[in-house]
Amino acid sequence: MKQPSLKKQIIIFLLQNLLVVLLIGGFIIYPAAKNIFELKKNIEQTHDELEQEYTKTKHLKKSLQELDSVKEVTAQFTSSTIPVGSELPMITLFEQLAQRYDIDQNLSLGTQDTVRYAMAKSNISDKYYVFSFLNHGTYKHHLQFLRELESMPFYVIIDKLQWSTHGSGPTNDVTLRFDALVYAHATQ
């Protein structure tokens, strides 16, 4: 058998080497590179998830640290409102206040329909009571009565005051009409 020429031997050798390189590249290097890139992608994804969890944990720790201040603010809110169902003690308190300042008082509590209408009108979802006052007395006594309402431990919100006088002179009676809104909180 005749040996192929040197040129053919070199070409065959190069083709064999090329085939070996392609086989090594196709069956060893490519899958390894593919696995490396998938691993890199998984590491980045895991890093992002851990970063998100760290951020959530950090916010949770901050929230837990601020919980005491939130409780203090909530306690302040609770102290500025009255408990739900304490309408009768409120009416008694307002009547005693009127007696203290020698004011003849007609007081009514808004019905549930009135309260619902007022809540729907003002888009307020909190519970509150509407007390309607019709007071007769001297101007000075009315001012003292209003000042006392301002100093109550809970908020008494008065939208507008309607004053009317009867007769003339400094000692004549004055009629004061207003609605007072008092927020209520649920009892635990």
N, C-alpha and C. Protein backbone atom coordinates (compact mmCIF):
# COMPACT_ATOMS: atom_id res chain seq x y z
N MET A 1 0.83 -1.16 0.00
CA MET A 1 0.00 0.00 0.00
C MET A 1 0.88 1.23 0.00
N LYS A 2 0.41 2.12 -0.73
CA LYS A 2 1.17 3.31 -0.96
C LYS A 2 0.80 4.34 0.09
N GLN A 3 1.80 4.97 0.59
CA GLN A 3 1.56 5.99 1.60
C GLN A 3 1.09 7.28 0.95
N PRO A 4 0.10 7.91 1.59
CA PRO A 4 -0.36 9.18 1.00
C PRO A 4 0.76 10.22 1.06
N SER A 5 0.61 11.16 0.24
CA SER A 5 1.63 12.21 0.18
C SER A 5 1.64 13.01 1.47
N LEU A 6 2.73 13.72 1.64
CA LEU A 6 2.92 14.51 2.85
C LEU A 6 1.83 15.57 3.00
N LYS A 7 1.45 16.12 1.92
CA LYS A 7 0.42 17.15 1.94
C LYS A 7 -0.89 16.54 2.44
N LYS A 8 -1.24 15.35 1.94
CA LYS A 8 -2.47 14.70 2.36
C LYS A 8 -2.37 14.29 3.82
N GLN A 9 -1.20 13.85 4.24
CA GLN A 9 -1.02 13.46 5.64
C GLN A 9 -1.23 14.67 6.57
N ILE A 10 -0.71 15.80 6.15
CA ILE A 10 -0.87 17.02 6.97
C ILE A 10 -2.34 17.40 7.02
N ILE A 11 -3.03 17.33 5.90
CA ILE A 11 -4.45 17.69 5.85
C ILE A 11 -5.25 16.73 6.71
N ILE A 12 -4.96 15.43 6.61
CA ILE A 12 -5.67 14.44 7.42
C ILE A 12 -5.38 14.68 8.90
N PHE A 13 -4.13 14.96 9.23
CA PHE A 13 -3.75 15.24 10.62
C PHE A 13 -4.50 16.47 11.15
N LEU A 14 -4.55 17.51 10.34
CA LEU A 14 -5.24 18.73 10.76
C LEU A 14 -6.74 18.48 10.91
N LEU A 15 -7.31 17.72 9.98
CA LEU A 15 -8.74 17.41 10.07
C LEU A 15 -9.03 16.56 11.31
N GLN A 16 -8.15 15.61 11.61
CA GLN A 16 -8.33 14.79 12.81
C GLN A 16 -8.24 15.65 14.06
N ASN A 17 -7.25 16.53 14.09
CA ASN A 17 -7.11 17.43 15.25
C ASN A 17 -8.31 18.36 15.38
N LEU A 18 -8.77 18.86 14.24
CA LEU A 18 -9.94 19.74 14.24
C LEU A 18 -11.17 18.98 14.75
N LEU A 19 -11.32 17.74 14.29
CA LEU A 19 -12.44 16.92 14.74
C LEU A 19 -12.35 16.65 16.24
N VAL A 20 -11.16 16.36 16.75
CA VAL A 20 -10.97 16.13 18.18
C VAL A 20 -11.29 17.40 18.97
N VAL A 21 -10.80 18.54 18.47
CA VAL A 21 -11.07 19.83 19.15
C VAL A 21 -12.56 20.11 19.15
N LEU A 22 -13.23 19.87 18.01
CA LEU A 22 -14.68 20.10 17.94
C LEU A 22 -15.43 19.16 18.88
N LEU A 23 -15.01 17.91 18.93
CA LEU A 23 -15.66 16.96 19.83
C LEU A 23 -15.43 17.36 21.29
N ILE A 24 -14.20 17.74 21.62
CA ILE A 24 -13.92 18.19 22.99
C ILE A 24 -14.72 19.45 23.30
N GLY A 25 -14.73 20.38 22.37
CA GLY A 25 -15.48 21.63 22.57
C GLY A 25 -16.97 21.38 22.68
N GLY A 26 -17.51 20.49 21.83
CA GLY A 26 -18.95 20.24 21.81
C GLY A 26 -19.44 19.41 22.98
N PHE A 27 -18.64 18.44 23.39
CA PHE A 27 -19.11 17.53 24.44
C PHE A 27 -18.56 17.85 25.83
N ILE A 28 -17.53 18.65 25.93
CA ILE A 28 -16.94 18.93 27.24
C ILE A 28 -17.00 20.42 27.57
N ILE A 29 -16.43 21.24 26.70
CA ILE A 29 -16.31 22.68 27.01
C ILE A 29 -17.67 23.37 26.96
N TYR A 30 -18.47 23.13 25.91
CA TYR A 30 -19.77 23.81 25.79
C TYR A 30 -20.69 23.48 26.97
N PRO A 31 -20.89 22.19 27.33
CA PRO A 31 -21.76 21.92 28.49
C PRO A 31 -21.21 22.53 29.79
N ALA A 32 -19.89 22.51 29.95
CA ALA A 32 -19.31 23.10 31.16
C ALA A 32 -19.55 24.61 31.19
N ALA A 33 -19.35 25.27 30.04
CA ALA A 33 -19.59 26.72 29.97
C ALA A 33 -21.07 27.03 30.21
N LYS A 34 -21.94 26.20 29.62
CA LYS A 34 -23.37 26.39 29.82
C LYS A 34 -23.73 26.26 31.30
N ASN A 35 -23.18 25.26 31.97
CA ASN A 35 -23.42 25.07 33.40
C ASN A 35 -22.89 26.24 34.21
N ILE A 36 -21.74 26.77 33.81
CA ILE A 36 -21.15 27.92 34.53
C ILE A 36 -22.06 29.14 34.40
N PHE A 37 -22.59 29.39 33.18
CA PHE A 37 -23.47 30.54 32.99
C PHE A 37 -24.80 30.36 33.74
N GLU A 38 -25.33 29.14 33.77
CA GLU A 38 -26.55 28.88 34.54
C GLU A 38 -26.28 29.05 36.03
N LEU A 39 -25.13 28.60 36.48
CA LEU A 39 -24.75 28.76 37.88
C LEU A 39 -24.62 30.24 38.23
N LYS A 40 -24.03 31.02 37.32
CA LYS A 40 -23.90 32.46 37.54
C LYS A 40 -25.28 33.10 37.65
N LYS A 41 -26.18 32.69 36.75
CA LYS A 41 -27.54 33.23 36.76
C LYS A 41 -28.25 32.86 38.07
N ASN A 42 -28.10 31.62 38.52
CA ASN A 42 -28.72 31.18 39.78
C ASN A 42 -28.13 31.92 40.98
N ILE A 43 -26.83 32.16 40.95
CA ILE A 43 -26.18 32.91 42.05
C ILE A 43 -26.72 34.33 42.10
N GLU A 44 -26.86 34.98 40.94
CA GLU A 44 -27.40 36.35 40.91
C GLU A 44 -28.84 36.37 41.40
N GLN A 45 -29.63 35.37 41.00
CA GLN A 45 -31.02 35.30 41.45
C GLN A 45 -31.09 35.09 42.96
N THR A 46 -30.27 34.21 43.48
CA THR A 46 -30.22 33.97 44.92
C THR A 46 -29.77 35.22 45.65
N HIS A 47 -28.80 35.93 45.09
CA HIS A 47 -28.32 37.18 45.69
C HIS A 47 -29.46 38.20 45.77
N ASP A 48 -30.23 38.33 44.67
CA ASP A 48 -31.35 39.27 44.67
C ASP A 48 -32.40 38.88 45.71
N GLU A 49 -32.71 37.58 45.80
CA GLU A 49 -33.69 37.13 46.78
C GLU A 49 -33.20 37.39 48.20
N LEU A 50 -31.93 37.12 48.45
CA LEU A 50 -31.38 37.38 49.79
C LEU A 50 -31.38 38.88 50.10
N GLU A 51 -31.10 39.68 49.09
CA GLU A 51 -31.13 41.14 49.28
C GLU A 51 -32.54 41.59 49.65
N GLN A 52 -33.55 41.04 48.97
CA GLN A 52 -34.93 41.39 49.28
C GLN A 52 -35.30 40.93 50.69
N GLU A 53 -34.90 39.74 51.05
CA GLU A 53 -35.19 39.24 52.40
C GLU A 53 -34.48 40.09 53.46
N TYR A 54 -33.27 40.50 53.17
CA TYR A 54 -32.53 41.36 54.10
C TYR A 54 -33.26 42.69 54.27
N THR A 55 -33.73 43.26 53.15
CA THR A 55 -34.45 44.52 53.22
C THR A 55 -35.74 44.36 54.03
N LYS A 56 -36.46 43.26 53.78
CA LYS A 56 -37.69 43.01 54.55
C LYS A 56 -37.38 42.86 56.03
N THR A 57 -36.33 42.12 56.34
CA THR A 57 -35.95 41.92 57.74
C THR A 57 -35.56 43.24 58.39
N LYS A 58 -34.84 44.06 57.64
CA LYS A 58 -34.43 45.37 58.15
C LYS A 58 -35.66 46.24 58.44
N HIS A 59 -36.63 46.24 57.51
CA HIS A 59 -37.85 47.01 57.73
C HIS A 59 -38.65 46.45 58.90
N LEU A 60 -38.67 45.13 59.04
CA LEU A 60 -39.38 44.52 60.16
C LEU A 60 -38.75 44.90 61.49
N LYS A 61 -37.41 44.89 61.56
CA LYS A 61 -36.74 45.29 62.80
C LYS A 61 -37.04 46.75 63.11
N LYS A 62 -37.04 47.59 62.08
CA LYS A 62 -37.33 49.01 62.28
C LYS A 62 -38.77 49.18 62.78
N SER A 63 -39.69 48.41 62.18
CA SER A 63 -41.09 48.47 62.61
C SER A 63 -41.24 48.02 64.06
N LEU A 64 -40.54 46.97 64.43
CA LEU A 64 -40.61 46.50 65.81
C LEU A 64 -40.05 47.53 66.78
N GLN A 65 -39.00 48.24 66.35
CA GLN A 65 -38.42 49.28 67.21
C GLN A 65 -39.39 50.45 67.37
N GLU A 66 -40.16 50.74 66.31
CA GLU A 66 -41.09 51.86 66.35
C GLU A 66 -42.44 51.49 66.95
N LEU A 67 -42.62 50.24 67.30
CA LEU A 67 -43.90 49.77 67.82
C LEU A 67 -44.29 50.50 69.11
N ASP A 68 -43.32 50.76 69.97
CA ASP A 68 -43.62 51.46 71.22
C ASP A 68 -44.13 52.87 70.96
N SER A 69 -43.50 53.57 70.01
CA SER A 69 -43.96 54.93 69.71
C SER A 69 -45.35 54.90 69.08
N VAL A 70 -45.64 53.87 68.28
CA VAL A 70 -46.98 53.74 67.70
C VAL A 70 -48.00 53.48 68.80
N LYS A 71 -47.62 52.67 69.78
CA LYS A 71 -48.53 52.41 70.91
C LYS A 71 -48.79 53.69 71.69
N GLU A 72 -47.76 54.53 71.86
CA GLU A 72 -47.94 55.80 72.56
C GLU A 72 -48.91 56.70 71.81
N VAL A 73 -48.74 56.77 70.49
CA VAL A 73 -49.63 57.61 69.68
C VAL A 73 -51.05 57.06 69.73
N THR A 74 -51.18 55.75 69.69
CA THR A 74 -52.50 55.13 69.79
C THR A 74 -53.13 55.42 71.14
N ALA A 75 -52.33 55.39 72.18
CA ALA A 75 -52.84 55.71 73.51
C ALA A 75 -53.30 57.16 73.57
N GLN A 76 -52.56 58.05 72.89
CA GLN A 76 -52.98 59.45 72.84
C GLN A 76 -54.31 59.57 72.11
N PHE A 77 -54.47 58.82 71.02
CA PHE A 77 -55.73 58.84 70.30
C PHE A 77 -56.87 58.34 71.19
N THR A 78 -56.61 57.26 71.88
CA THR A 78 -57.63 56.69 72.76
C THR A 78 -58.01 57.67 73.86
N SER A 79 -57.04 58.40 74.37
CA SER A 79 -57.35 59.36 75.44
C SER A 79 -58.08 60.59 74.91
N SER A 80 -58.05 60.83 73.60
CA SER A 80 -58.73 61.99 73.04
C SER A 80 -60.12 61.64 72.52
N THR A 81 -60.55 60.41 72.74
CA THR A 81 -61.88 59.98 72.34
C THR A 81 -62.60 59.38 73.55
N ILE A 82 -63.85 59.04 73.34
CA ILE A 82 -64.62 58.41 74.41
C ILE A 82 -64.90 56.96 74.02
N PRO A 83 -65.13 56.10 74.99
CA PRO A 83 -65.46 54.71 74.65
C PRO A 83 -66.84 54.62 73.98
N VAL A 84 -66.97 53.71 73.04
CA VAL A 84 -68.26 53.48 72.40
C VAL A 84 -69.25 53.02 73.47
N GLY A 85 -70.44 53.58 73.44
CA GLY A 85 -71.46 53.20 74.41
C GLY A 85 -71.48 54.08 75.64
N SER A 86 -70.70 55.14 75.66
CA SER A 86 -70.67 56.01 76.85
C SER A 86 -71.43 57.31 76.60
N GLU A 87 -72.54 57.21 75.89
CA GLU A 87 -73.33 58.41 75.60
C GLU A 87 -73.95 59.00 76.86
N LEU A 88 -74.48 58.14 77.72
CA LEU A 88 -75.16 58.61 78.93
C LEU A 88 -74.21 59.37 79.86
N PRO A 89 -73.01 58.85 80.15
CA PRO A 89 -72.08 59.64 80.97
C PRO A 89 -71.70 60.98 80.31
N MET A 90 -71.64 60.99 78.99
CA MET A 90 -71.32 62.24 78.29
C MET A 90 -72.45 63.25 78.48
N ILE A 91 -73.68 62.80 78.32
CA ILE A 91 -74.83 63.69 78.50
C ILE A 91 -74.85 64.22 79.93
N THR A 92 -74.60 63.35 80.89
CA THR A 92 -74.55 63.77 82.30
C THR A 92 -73.45 64.80 82.52
N LEU A 93 -72.30 64.58 81.93
CA LEU A 93 -71.18 65.52 82.06
C LEU A 93 -71.54 66.88 81.48
N PHE A 94 -72.16 66.89 80.30
CA PHE A 94 -72.55 68.16 79.67
C PHE A 94 -73.63 68.87 80.49
N GLU A 95 -74.55 68.11 81.08
CA GLU A 95 -75.58 68.73 81.92
C GLU A 95 -74.98 69.33 83.19
N GLN A 96 -74.04 68.62 83.81
CA GLN A 96 -73.38 69.15 85.01
C GLN A 96 -72.60 70.42 84.67
N LEU A 97 -71.98 70.43 83.53
CA LEU A 97 -71.22 71.60 83.09
C LEU A 97 -72.16 72.80 82.90
N ALA A 98 -73.33 72.56 82.32
CA ALA A 98 -74.30 73.64 82.13
C ALA A 98 -74.80 74.15 83.48
N GLN A 99 -75.05 73.26 84.43
CA GLN A 99 -75.50 73.68 85.76
C GLN A 99 -74.42 74.50 86.46
N ARG A 100 -73.16 74.11 86.29
CA ARG A 100 -72.06 74.83 86.94
C ARG A 100 -72.01 76.29 86.48
N TYR A 101 -72.36 76.54 85.22
CA TYR A 101 -72.29 77.90 84.68
C TYR A 101 -73.67 78.54 84.53
N ASP A 102 -74.66 78.00 85.24
CA ASP A 102 -76.00 78.57 85.27
C ASP A 102 -76.56 78.75 83.86
N ILE A 103 -76.50 77.68 83.10
CA ILE A 103 -77.01 77.69 81.73
C ILE A 103 -78.16 76.71 81.64
N ASP A 104 -79.27 77.20 81.05
CA ASP A 104 -80.40 76.31 80.79
C ASP A 104 -80.10 75.60 79.47
N GLN A 105 -80.02 74.29 79.54
CA GLN A 105 -79.53 73.54 78.37
C GLN A 105 -80.54 72.51 77.90
N ASN A 106 -80.75 72.48 76.60
CA ASN A 106 -81.48 71.39 75.94
C ASN A 106 -80.45 70.65 75.11
N LEU A 107 -80.30 69.38 75.41
CA LEU A 107 -79.25 68.58 74.77
C LEU A 107 -79.88 67.36 74.13
N SER A 108 -79.48 67.08 72.92
CA SER A 108 -79.96 65.86 72.27
C SER A 108 -78.80 65.17 71.58
N LEU A 109 -78.92 63.87 71.53
CA LEU A 109 -77.91 63.05 70.87
C LEU A 109 -78.44 62.67 69.51
N GLY A 110 -77.62 62.85 68.49
CA GLY A 110 -78.04 62.49 67.14
C GLY A 110 -78.41 61.02 67.06
N THR A 111 -79.48 60.73 66.34
CA THR A 111 -79.89 59.34 66.17
C THR A 111 -78.90 58.63 65.26
N GLN A 112 -79.01 57.32 65.19
CA GLN A 112 -78.11 56.56 64.32
C GLN A 112 -78.26 57.01 62.88
N ASP A 113 -79.50 57.33 62.45
CA ASP A 113 -79.69 57.81 61.08
C ASP A 113 -78.97 59.12 60.86
N THR A 114 -79.05 60.02 61.84
CA THR A 114 -78.33 61.29 61.74
C THR A 114 -76.84 61.05 61.66
N VAL A 115 -76.35 60.15 62.51
CA VAL A 115 -74.92 59.86 62.52
C VAL A 115 -74.51 59.22 61.20
N ARG A 116 -75.30 58.27 60.71
CA ARG A 116 -74.97 57.63 59.42
C ARG A 116 -74.96 58.65 58.30
N TYR A 117 -75.95 59.55 58.28
CA TYR A 117 -76.01 60.57 57.25
C TYR A 117 -74.78 61.48 57.32
N ALA A 118 -74.44 61.90 58.53
CA ALA A 118 -73.27 62.77 58.70
C ALA A 118 -72.00 62.05 58.29
N MET A 119 -71.90 60.76 58.62
CA MET A 119 -70.71 59.99 58.26
C MET A 119 -70.62 59.83 56.75
N ALA A 120 -71.74 59.54 56.09
CA ALA A 120 -71.74 59.39 54.64
C ALA A 120 -71.42 60.72 53.97
N LYS A 121 -71.93 61.79 54.52
CA LYS A 121 -71.71 63.10 53.95
C LYS A 121 -70.24 63.52 54.07
N SER A 122 -69.60 63.18 55.17
CA SER A 122 -68.22 63.60 55.39
C SER A 122 -67.20 62.51 55.07
N ASN A 123 -67.65 61.37 54.58
CA ASN A 123 -66.76 60.25 54.23
C ASN A 123 -65.91 59.80 55.42
N ILE A 124 -66.48 59.83 56.60
CA ILE A 124 -65.76 59.41 57.80
C ILE A 124 -66.27 58.02 58.17
N SER A 125 -65.34 57.10 58.34
CA SER A 125 -65.75 55.74 58.68
C SER A 125 -65.63 55.47 60.18
N ASP A 126 -65.08 56.41 60.93
CA ASP A 126 -64.93 56.22 62.37
C ASP A 126 -66.27 56.45 63.07
N LYS A 127 -66.38 55.89 64.26
CA LYS A 127 -67.59 56.05 65.06
C LYS A 127 -67.49 57.37 65.82
N TYR A 128 -68.57 58.12 65.80
CA TYR A 128 -68.61 59.35 66.58
C TYR A 128 -70.06 59.65 66.93
N TYR A 129 -70.21 60.55 67.90
CA TYR A 129 -71.53 60.96 68.35
C TYR A 129 -71.71 62.44 68.04
N VAL A 130 -72.95 62.80 67.69
CA VAL A 130 -73.28 64.20 67.43
C VAL A 130 -74.22 64.65 68.55
N PHE A 131 -73.74 65.59 69.35
CA PHE A 131 -74.55 66.16 70.43
C PHE A 131 -75.03 67.53 69.96
N SER A 132 -76.34 67.77 70.03
CA SER A 132 -76.91 69.06 69.63
C SER A 132 -77.24 69.85 70.90
N PHE A 133 -76.68 71.04 71.00
CA PHE A 133 -76.85 71.89 72.17
C PHE A 133 -77.75 73.07 71.82
N LEU A 134 -78.66 73.40 72.72
CA LEU A 134 -79.44 74.63 72.66
C LEU A 134 -79.39 75.20 74.07
N ASN A 135 -78.52 76.19 74.28
CA ASN A 135 -78.23 76.72 75.62
C ASN A 135 -78.77 78.14 75.75
N HIS A 136 -79.32 78.45 76.93
CA HIS A 136 -79.78 79.80 77.26
C HIS A 136 -79.04 80.25 78.51
N GLY A 137 -78.46 81.44 78.47
CA GLY A 137 -77.74 81.97 79.62
C GLY A 137 -77.05 83.27 79.22
N THR A 138 -76.22 83.77 80.11
CA THR A 138 -75.51 85.01 79.81
C THR A 138 -74.33 84.72 78.88
N TYR A 139 -73.91 85.77 78.21
CA TYR A 139 -72.79 85.63 77.27
C TYR A 139 -71.54 85.16 78.00
N LYS A 140 -71.29 85.72 79.17
CA LYS A 140 -70.12 85.36 79.97
C LYS A 140 -70.16 83.88 80.35
N HIS A 141 -71.32 83.40 80.77
CA HIS A 141 -71.45 81.99 81.15
C HIS A 141 -71.26 81.07 79.95
N HIS A 142 -71.75 81.52 78.79
CA HIS A 142 -71.54 80.71 77.57
C HIS A 142 -70.06 80.59 77.24
N LEU A 143 -69.33 81.68 77.38
CA LEU A 143 -67.88 81.63 77.09
C LEU A 143 -67.17 80.72 78.08
N GLN A 144 -67.57 80.78 79.35
CA GLN A 144 -66.97 79.87 80.34
C GLN A 144 -67.31 78.41 80.02
N PHE A 145 -68.53 78.18 79.58
CA PHE A 145 -68.96 76.83 79.20
C PHE A 145 -68.12 76.33 78.02
N LEU A 146 -67.94 77.16 77.01
CA LEU A 146 -67.15 76.77 75.83
C LEU A 146 -65.68 76.54 76.20
N ARG A 147 -65.16 77.38 77.08
CA ARG A 147 -63.77 77.21 77.52
C ARG A 147 -63.61 75.87 78.24
N GLU A 148 -64.61 75.50 79.03
CA GLU A 148 -64.58 74.22 79.73
C GLU A 148 -64.65 73.05 78.73
N LEU A 149 -65.45 73.21 77.68
CA LEU A 149 -65.50 72.17 76.64
C LEU A 149 -64.13 72.00 75.98
N GLU A 150 -63.43 73.11 75.77
CA GLU A 150 -62.09 73.04 75.17
C GLU A 150 -61.10 72.30 76.05
N SER A 151 -61.29 72.37 77.35
CA SER A 151 -60.32 71.76 78.26
C SER A 151 -60.66 70.31 78.61
N MET A 152 -61.67 69.75 77.98
CA MET A 152 -62.03 68.34 78.23
C MET A 152 -60.87 67.44 77.80
N PRO A 153 -60.75 66.27 78.40
CA PRO A 153 -59.65 65.37 78.02
C PRO A 153 -59.87 64.70 76.67
N PHE A 154 -61.02 64.88 76.08
CA PHE A 154 -61.32 64.33 74.76
C PHE A 154 -61.69 65.50 73.85
N TYR A 155 -61.62 65.25 72.55
CA TYR A 155 -61.91 66.31 71.60
C TYR A 155 -63.41 66.50 71.43
N VAL A 156 -63.84 67.75 71.52
CA VAL A 156 -65.22 68.13 71.22
C VAL A 156 -65.10 69.07 70.03
N ILE A 157 -65.53 68.59 68.87
CA ILE A 157 -65.37 69.35 67.63
C ILE A 157 -66.67 70.09 67.35
N ILE A 158 -66.56 71.41 67.28
CA ILE A 158 -67.72 72.26 67.04
C ILE A 158 -67.50 72.96 65.71
N ASP A 159 -68.44 72.76 64.80
CA ASP A 159 -68.30 73.32 63.46
C ASP A 159 -68.63 74.81 63.45
N LYS A 160 -69.78 75.19 63.97
CA LYS A 160 -70.15 76.60 63.99
C LYS A 160 -71.05 76.89 65.19
N LEU A 161 -70.99 78.12 65.65
CA LEU A 161 -71.81 78.58 66.78
C LEU A 161 -72.87 79.52 66.24
N GLN A 162 -74.11 79.35 66.70
CA GLN A 162 -75.20 80.24 66.30
C GLN A 162 -75.67 80.99 67.55
N TRP A 163 -75.40 82.29 67.57
CA TRP A 163 -75.74 83.12 68.71
C TRP A 163 -77.02 83.91 68.39
N SER A 164 -77.85 84.10 69.39
CA SER A 164 -78.99 85.01 69.25
C SER A 164 -79.24 85.65 70.62
N THR A 165 -79.61 86.93 70.59
CA THR A 165 -79.83 87.66 71.85
C THR A 165 -81.31 87.90 72.05
N HIS A 166 -81.69 88.10 73.32
CA HIS A 166 -83.08 88.38 73.68
C HIS A 166 -83.09 89.65 74.50
N GLY A 167 -83.65 90.70 73.95
CA GLY A 167 -83.71 91.96 74.66
C GLY A 167 -82.41 92.74 74.50
N SER A 168 -82.24 93.76 75.34
CA SER A 168 -81.03 94.56 75.28
C SER A 168 -80.50 94.75 76.68
N GLY A 169 -79.22 95.08 76.77
CA GLY A 169 -78.60 95.26 78.08
C GLY A 169 -77.56 94.19 78.33
N PRO A 170 -76.66 94.43 79.29
CA PRO A 170 -75.56 93.51 79.52
C PRO A 170 -75.96 92.21 80.21
N THR A 171 -77.10 92.16 80.90
CA THR A 171 -77.46 90.95 81.65
C THR A 171 -78.51 90.11 80.94
N ASN A 172 -78.92 90.50 79.75
CA ASN A 172 -79.95 89.75 79.04
C ASN A 172 -79.41 88.41 78.56
N ASP A 173 -80.34 87.48 78.44
CA ASP A 173 -79.96 86.13 78.03
C ASP A 173 -79.55 86.08 76.56
N VAL A 174 -78.66 85.13 76.33
CA VAL A 174 -78.19 84.84 74.98
C VAL A 174 -78.48 83.36 74.73
N THR A 175 -78.90 83.06 73.52
CA THR A 175 -79.12 81.67 73.13
C THR A 175 -77.97 81.23 72.24
N LEU A 176 -77.44 80.09 72.56
CA LEU A 176 -76.33 79.53 71.78
C LEU A 176 -76.75 78.15 71.28
N ARG A 177 -76.65 77.98 69.98
CA ARG A 177 -77.00 76.70 69.37
C ARG A 177 -75.77 76.20 68.60
N PHE A 178 -75.42 74.91 68.83
CA PHE A 178 -74.31 74.31 68.09
C PHE A 178 -74.39 72.79 68.17
N ASP A 179 -73.74 72.17 67.23
CA ASP A 179 -73.59 70.71 67.22
C ASP A 179 -72.15 70.38 67.54
N ALA A 180 -71.96 69.42 68.42
CA ALA A 180 -70.61 69.00 68.82
C ALA A 180 -70.41 67.55 68.40
N LEU A 181 -69.29 67.30 67.81
CA LEU A 181 -68.94 65.96 67.35
C LEU A 181 -67.88 65.40 68.30
N VAL A 182 -68.11 64.21 68.84
CA VAL A 182 -67.17 63.57 69.76
C VAL A 182 -66.88 62.17 69.22
N TYR A 183 -65.61 61.92 68.92
CA TYR A 183 -65.21 60.61 68.39
C TYR A 183 -65.20 59.57 69.50
N ALA A 184 -65.47 58.33 69.09
CA ALA A 184 -65.50 57.22 70.04
C ALA A 184 -64.56 56.12 69.57
N HIS A 185 -64.00 55.42 70.51
CA HIS A 185 -63.13 54.28 70.18
C HIS A 185 -63.73 53.00 70.75
N ALA A 186 -63.40 51.91 70.11
CA ALA A 186 -63.90 50.61 70.57
C ALA A 186 -63.17 50.22 71.84
N THR A 187 -63.90 49.64 72.75
CA THR A 187 -63.28 49.19 73.99
C THR A 187 -62.71 47.80 73.77
N GLN A 188 -61.59 47.52 74.45
CA GLN A 188 -60.94 46.21 74.28
C GLN A 188 -61.57 45.20 75.18
